[in-house]
Protein backbone atom coordinates (compact mmCIF):
# COMPACT_ATOMS: atom_id res chain seq x y z
CA MET A 1 2.71 11.78 36.08
CA ALA A 2 2.54 8.60 34.56
CA GLN A 3 2.78 8.32 30.81
CA ALA A 4 2.08 5.43 28.59
CA VAL A 5 4.80 3.55 27.48
CA ARG A 6 4.64 3.10 23.23
CA GLN A 7 5.36 -0.40 22.41
CA HIS A 8 6.85 -0.82 18.77
CA ARG A 9 4.80 -3.44 17.01
CA SER A 10 6.04 -4.98 13.83
CA PRO A 11 3.72 -5.96 10.83
CA LEU A 12 3.82 -9.53 11.89
CA SER A 13 2.80 -9.07 15.63
CA PHE A 14 -0.47 -10.79 14.78
CA LEU A 15 1.61 -14.12 14.77
CA ASN A 16 2.66 -13.73 18.40
CA THR A 17 -0.45 -14.87 20.12
CA ASP A 18 1.81 -15.90 23.06
CA GLY A 19 3.02 -12.50 23.95
CA LYS A 20 6.52 -13.26 23.16
CA ALA A 21 8.51 -11.79 20.05
CA HIS A 22 9.40 -14.78 17.43
CA PRO A 23 11.30 -12.74 14.82
CA VAL A 24 13.09 -15.68 13.29
CA GLU A 25 9.83 -17.82 13.24
CA ASN A 26 7.68 -14.89 11.74
CA SER A 27 10.59 -14.24 9.04
CA PHE A 28 10.14 -17.85 7.96
CA ALA A 29 6.37 -17.64 7.97
CA ALA A 30 6.76 -14.20 5.91
CA ALA A 31 9.51 -15.76 3.26
CA THR A 32 7.40 -19.08 2.51
CA LEU A 33 4.36 -17.18 1.85
CA LEU A 34 6.05 -14.69 -0.19
CA LEU A 35 7.99 -17.64 -1.99
CA GLY A 36 4.69 -19.48 -2.45
CA LEU A 37 2.98 -16.60 -4.04
CA VAL A 38 6.00 -16.01 -6.51
CA ALA A 39 5.85 -19.46 -7.27
CA ILE A 40 2.21 -19.89 -8.08
CA ILE A 41 1.89 -16.78 -9.94
CA SER A 42 5.06 -17.25 -12.00
CA SER A 43 3.74 -21.01 -12.79
CA LEU A 44 0.89 -19.35 -14.77
CA SER A 45 3.32 -18.80 -17.52
CA PRO A 46 4.97 -21.54 -18.96
CA GLY A 47 8.06 -19.40 -19.96
CA LEU A 48 8.73 -18.69 -16.55
CA HIS A 49 9.13 -22.22 -15.16
CA LEU A 50 12.60 -21.56 -13.93
CA VAL A 51 11.50 -18.99 -11.69
CA SER A 52 8.38 -20.95 -10.60
CA SER A 53 10.24 -23.97 -10.02
CA TRP A 54 12.97 -22.72 -8.15
CA ALA A 55 10.93 -20.29 -6.15
CA GLY A 56 8.47 -23.43 -5.45
CA LEU A 57 11.56 -25.59 -4.10
CA VAL A 58 13.05 -22.72 -1.94
CA GLY A 59 9.67 -22.16 -0.63
CA ILE A 60 9.08 -25.81 0.22
CA LEU A 61 12.29 -25.96 2.05
CA THR A 62 11.71 -23.00 4.15
CA GLY A 63 8.52 -23.90 4.84
CA ALA A 64 9.42 -27.05 6.08
CA TRP A 65 12.17 -25.58 8.51
CA GLY A 66 9.88 -22.96 9.45
CA GLN A 67 7.38 -25.65 10.63
CA MET A 68 10.03 -27.44 12.58
CA ILE A 69 10.69 -24.03 14.53
CA SER A 70 7.36 -22.54 14.54
CA ALA A 71 6.11 -21.38 18.09
CA THR A 72 2.32 -20.32 17.54
CA THR A 73 -0.78 -21.45 15.59
CA PRO A 74 -0.86 -18.43 13.22
CA GLU A 75 2.77 -19.00 12.18
CA ARG A 76 1.73 -22.66 11.33
CA PHE A 77 -1.28 -21.37 9.42
CA LEU A 78 0.77 -19.16 7.28
CA LEU A 79 3.41 -21.69 6.69
CA ILE A 80 0.88 -24.29 5.46
CA VAL A 81 -0.70 -21.81 3.09
CA GLY A 82 2.78 -21.07 1.78
CA LEU A 83 3.72 -24.44 1.60
CA GLY A 84 0.84 -25.52 -0.33
CA ALA A 85 1.34 -22.50 -2.94
CA ALA A 86 4.96 -23.29 -3.33
CA ALA A 87 4.53 -26.92 -3.79
CA VAL A 88 1.84 -26.12 -6.68
CA GLY A 89 4.19 -23.71 -7.97
CA PHE A 90 7.07 -26.08 -7.99
CA PHE A 91 4.90 -28.88 -9.55
CA LEU A 92 3.59 -26.75 -12.35
CA GLY A 93 7.18 -25.40 -13.00
CA MET A 94 8.57 -28.99 -13.15
CA ALA A 95 5.80 -29.89 -15.61
CA HIS A 96 6.43 -26.98 -18.09
CA GLY A 97 10.49 -27.32 -17.92
CA GLY A 98 11.90 -28.02 -14.85
CA LEU A 99 14.64 -26.45 -12.44
CA PHE A 100 17.05 -26.25 -15.46
CA GLY A 101 14.85 -26.09 -18.32
CA GLY A 102 17.41 -27.55 -21.01
CA VAL A 103 20.29 -25.57 -19.79
CA LEU A 104 21.94 -28.68 -18.78
CA GLY A 105 21.20 -31.31 -21.19
């Protein structure tokens, strides 16, 4: 009797449109999106400029590297959305006080 094989599907499996698993690329896309959300939400409060500027900077760097190694179009879509949010959060954090915010000078 043939039994169906159950495949383990990750929460980010919708990013693998080519049928292959891309755990590193999917992790970069998820991290960039998460950092972008943290940066843009924390930039709404001027007192959190350190969080928004650093999260935005790290989000920009991870998003840029993720774009270099991305394999599918859905990964690139999430990376671009995360990069945009990270950049807006970074620039607003810089406008509110910057990366060091008076700690160094």
